[in-house]
Amino acid sequence: MTIEHDFFGILGSDDEGEIYWSDSAELGDQDIEIDLSSPDEPSVSLEALDIAAFMINSLEDLDSQARESLVAELSAEGSVTALYINQCLEELDEEVIEDALIWDSGDKQIDFLRSIQLQRIGFHPHHIKNDEHFAVLDYSISPTETDALLVVTLDVHGDTIVISLDS
């Protein structure tokens, strides 16, 4: 079986029924890896593919929403966002941090969040319920110096459902 979509083209499935698509897109002066996957074709609707295509075409807005959720989470005691920032500040050389920070407003945490780089967005069109991970955005402060990622998971409406660390 195959699914045909205006944006993604023909999405075929492998022998096990899994669907996969990947590409890259520009966001500012960065190339972002984008992929879409589903464990089986029957669970993917054209509506979910339309939503994923819309989000890809609105990368700046999607990135901005995710960053706003990171800033909002900073105020929570013991937040994952603050933990990621502190972990990077402790583990990376000061010179690496200085090179990575592209903002200097005087608020180091906010400057850090403005400076993190979106590396990848993964879409899961079989997860279309409000509390399921439809899009997963991976951020890094210095992709060449650390494997640590700050991960923002969004639902089908673009609302943040969880922020986590991946090392």
Protein backbone atom coordinates (compact mmCIF):
# COMPACT_ATOMS: atom_id res chain seq x y z
CA MET A 1 0.00 0.00 0.00
CA THR A 2 1.02 3.61 -0.48
CA ILE A 3 -0.24 7.02 0.52
CA GLU A 4 0.03 9.94 -1.88
CA HIS A 5 0.26 13.45 -0.47
CA ASP A 6 0.76 16.83 -2.17
CA PHE A 7 3.69 17.79 0.08
CA PHE A 8 5.34 14.45 0.89
CA GLY A 9 4.72 12.76 -2.45
CA ILE A 10 4.23 9.02 -2.47
CA LEU A 11 4.76 7.48 0.93
CA GLY A 12 5.23 3.78 0.59
CA SER A 13 5.72 1.35 3.39
CA ASP A 14 8.41 -1.24 3.88
CA ASP A 15 7.78 -4.96 4.38
CA GLU A 16 6.80 -4.36 7.99
CA GLY A 17 4.39 -1.55 7.07
CA GLU A 18 6.51 1.31 8.44
CA ILE A 19 6.34 4.68 6.68
CA TYR A 20 9.38 6.96 6.56
CA TRP A 21 10.17 10.28 4.84
CA SER A 22 13.06 12.69 5.37
CA ASP A 23 14.37 15.96 4.02
CA SER A 24 16.08 19.09 5.23
CA ALA A 25 14.91 22.68 5.42
CA GLU A 26 16.50 26.02 6.14
CA LEU A 27 15.74 27.96 9.27
CA GLY A 28 17.70 31.19 9.25
CA ASP A 29 21.19 30.13 8.24
CA GLN A 30 20.85 26.56 9.53
CA ASP A 31 19.87 23.33 7.83
CA ILE A 32 17.35 21.37 9.89
CA GLU A 33 16.84 17.64 9.48
CA ILE A 34 13.18 16.73 9.18
CA ASP A 35 11.73 13.27 9.23
CA LEU A 36 8.30 11.72 9.37
CA SER A 37 7.72 8.15 10.48
CA SER A 38 4.94 5.83 11.47
CA PRO A 39 5.07 2.17 12.46
CA ASP A 40 2.17 1.34 10.17
CA GLU A 41 0.41 2.93 7.24
CA PRO A 42 -3.23 2.43 8.32
CA SER A 43 -2.73 4.65 11.38
CA VAL A 44 -1.74 7.67 9.24
CA SER A 45 -4.49 9.99 8.04
CA LEU A 46 -4.26 12.56 5.27
CA GLU A 47 -5.29 15.17 7.85
CA ALA A 48 -2.25 14.30 10.00
CA LEU A 49 0.00 14.60 6.95
CA ASP A 50 -1.57 17.97 6.13
CA ILE A 51 -0.83 19.17 9.67
CA ALA A 52 2.79 17.97 9.47
CA ALA A 53 3.21 19.70 6.08
CA PHE A 54 1.76 22.92 7.51
CA MET A 55 4.16 22.76 10.47
CA ILE A 56 7.12 22.20 8.13
CA ASN A 57 6.06 25.19 6.05
CA SER A 58 5.81 27.23 9.28
CA LEU A 59 9.15 26.23 10.82
CA GLU A 60 9.90 29.71 12.18
CA ASP A 61 6.58 29.82 14.04
CA LEU A 62 7.00 26.26 15.31
CA ASP A 63 10.52 27.02 16.54
CA SER A 64 9.34 30.24 18.18
CA GLN A 65 6.51 28.43 20.02
CA ALA A 66 8.91 25.77 21.28
CA ARG A 67 11.40 28.38 22.50
CA GLU A 68 8.61 30.28 24.29
CA SER A 69 7.70 27.08 26.15
CA LEU A 70 11.37 26.69 27.18
CA VAL A 71 11.43 30.25 28.52
CA ALA A 72 8.14 29.67 30.37
CA GLU A 73 9.50 26.48 31.93
CA LEU A 74 12.57 28.29 33.31
CA SER A 75 10.53 29.69 36.20
CA ALA A 76 9.57 26.23 37.44
CA GLU A 77 11.78 24.97 40.25
CA GLY A 78 14.07 22.20 39.03
CA SER A 79 12.97 22.61 35.43
CA VAL A 80 14.49 20.44 32.71
CA THR A 81 15.38 23.59 30.76
CA ALA A 82 17.40 25.03 33.68
CA LEU A 83 18.99 21.62 34.23
CA TYR A 84 20.10 21.48 30.57
CA ILE A 85 21.54 25.01 30.72
CA ASN A 86 23.43 24.27 33.96
CA GLN A 87 24.67 20.93 32.64
CA CYS A 88 26.07 22.56 29.50
CA LEU A 89 27.62 25.45 31.43
CA GLU A 90 29.38 22.95 33.72
CA GLU A 91 30.49 20.46 31.05
CA LEU A 92 31.53 22.69 28.17
CA ASP A 93 34.58 24.92 28.09
CA GLU A 94 33.87 28.59 28.67
CA GLU A 95 35.28 29.34 25.20
CA VAL A 96 32.77 26.93 23.59
CA ILE A 97 29.90 28.60 25.45
CA GLU A 98 31.08 32.07 24.46
CA ASP A 99 31.26 31.00 20.80
CA ALA A 100 27.80 29.43 20.98
CA LEU A 101 26.05 32.37 22.62
CA ILE A 102 24.90 34.70 19.86
CA TRP A 103 22.97 36.99 22.21
CA ASP A 104 24.20 39.16 25.06
CA SER A 105 21.29 40.80 26.85
CA GLY A 106 22.73 40.30 30.32
CA ASP A 107 20.36 37.43 31.16
CA LYS A 108 22.53 34.36 30.58
CA GLN A 109 19.65 31.83 30.64
CA ILE A 110 17.58 33.76 28.09
CA ASP A 111 20.65 34.35 25.92
CA PHE A 112 21.35 30.62 26.11
CA LEU A 113 17.81 29.73 24.96
CA ARG A 114 17.98 32.25 22.13
CA SER A 115 21.29 30.71 21.04
CA ILE A 116 20.42 27.01 21.06
CA GLN A 117 20.24 25.50 17.59
CA LEU A 118 17.35 23.47 16.28
CA GLN A 119 18.93 20.28 14.93
CA ARG A 120 16.06 18.03 13.96
CA ILE A 121 12.29 17.76 13.90
CA GLY A 122 10.65 14.36 13.87
CA PHE A 123 6.97 13.99 13.01
CA HIS A 124 4.80 11.08 14.13
CA PRO A 125 1.55 11.35 12.15
CA HIS A 126 0.06 8.30 13.84
CA HIS A 127 -0.08 10.28 17.11
CA ILE A 128 -2.97 12.68 16.58
CA LYS A 129 -4.52 12.79 20.04
CA ASN A 130 -4.05 15.88 22.22
CA ASP A 131 -1.59 14.28 24.64
CA GLU A 132 0.51 12.35 22.11
CA HIS A 133 3.89 13.31 20.65
CA PHE A 134 3.17 14.52 17.12
CA ALA A 135 6.35 16.58 16.65
CA VAL A 136 9.68 16.28 18.47
CA LEU A 137 12.19 19.16 18.24
CA ASP A 138 15.83 18.54 19.20
CA TYR A 139 17.94 21.53 20.28
CA SER A 140 21.67 21.78 21.05
CA ILE A 141 23.83 24.65 22.22
CA SER A 142 26.89 23.28 20.40
CA PRO A 143 26.23 20.23 18.23
CA THR A 144 29.93 19.70 17.51
CA GLU A 145 30.93 19.78 21.18
CA THR A 146 28.13 17.93 22.97
CA ASP A 147 25.59 15.18 22.34
CA ALA A 148 23.26 16.63 24.98
CA LEU A 149 19.91 17.69 23.53
CA LEU A 150 17.02 19.68 24.91
CA VAL A 151 13.93 18.03 23.45
CA VAL A 152 10.56 19.76 23.07
CA THR A 153 7.61 17.49 22.29
CA LEU A 154 4.49 18.99 20.74
CA ASP A 155 1.02 17.62 20.20
CA VAL A 156 -0.93 17.81 16.95
CA HIS A 157 -2.04 21.37 17.82
CA GLY A 158 1.53 22.59 18.36
CA ASP A 159 1.17 22.76 22.14
CA THR A 160 4.12 21.63 24.26
CA ILE A 161 3.37 18.44 26.13
CA VAL A 162 6.82 17.64 27.54
CA ILE A 163 10.35 19.01 27.69
CA SER A 164 13.12 16.47 28.25
CA LEU A 165 16.85 15.86 28.05
CA ASP A 166 18.57 13.42 25.71
CA SER A 167 22.25 12.73 26.07
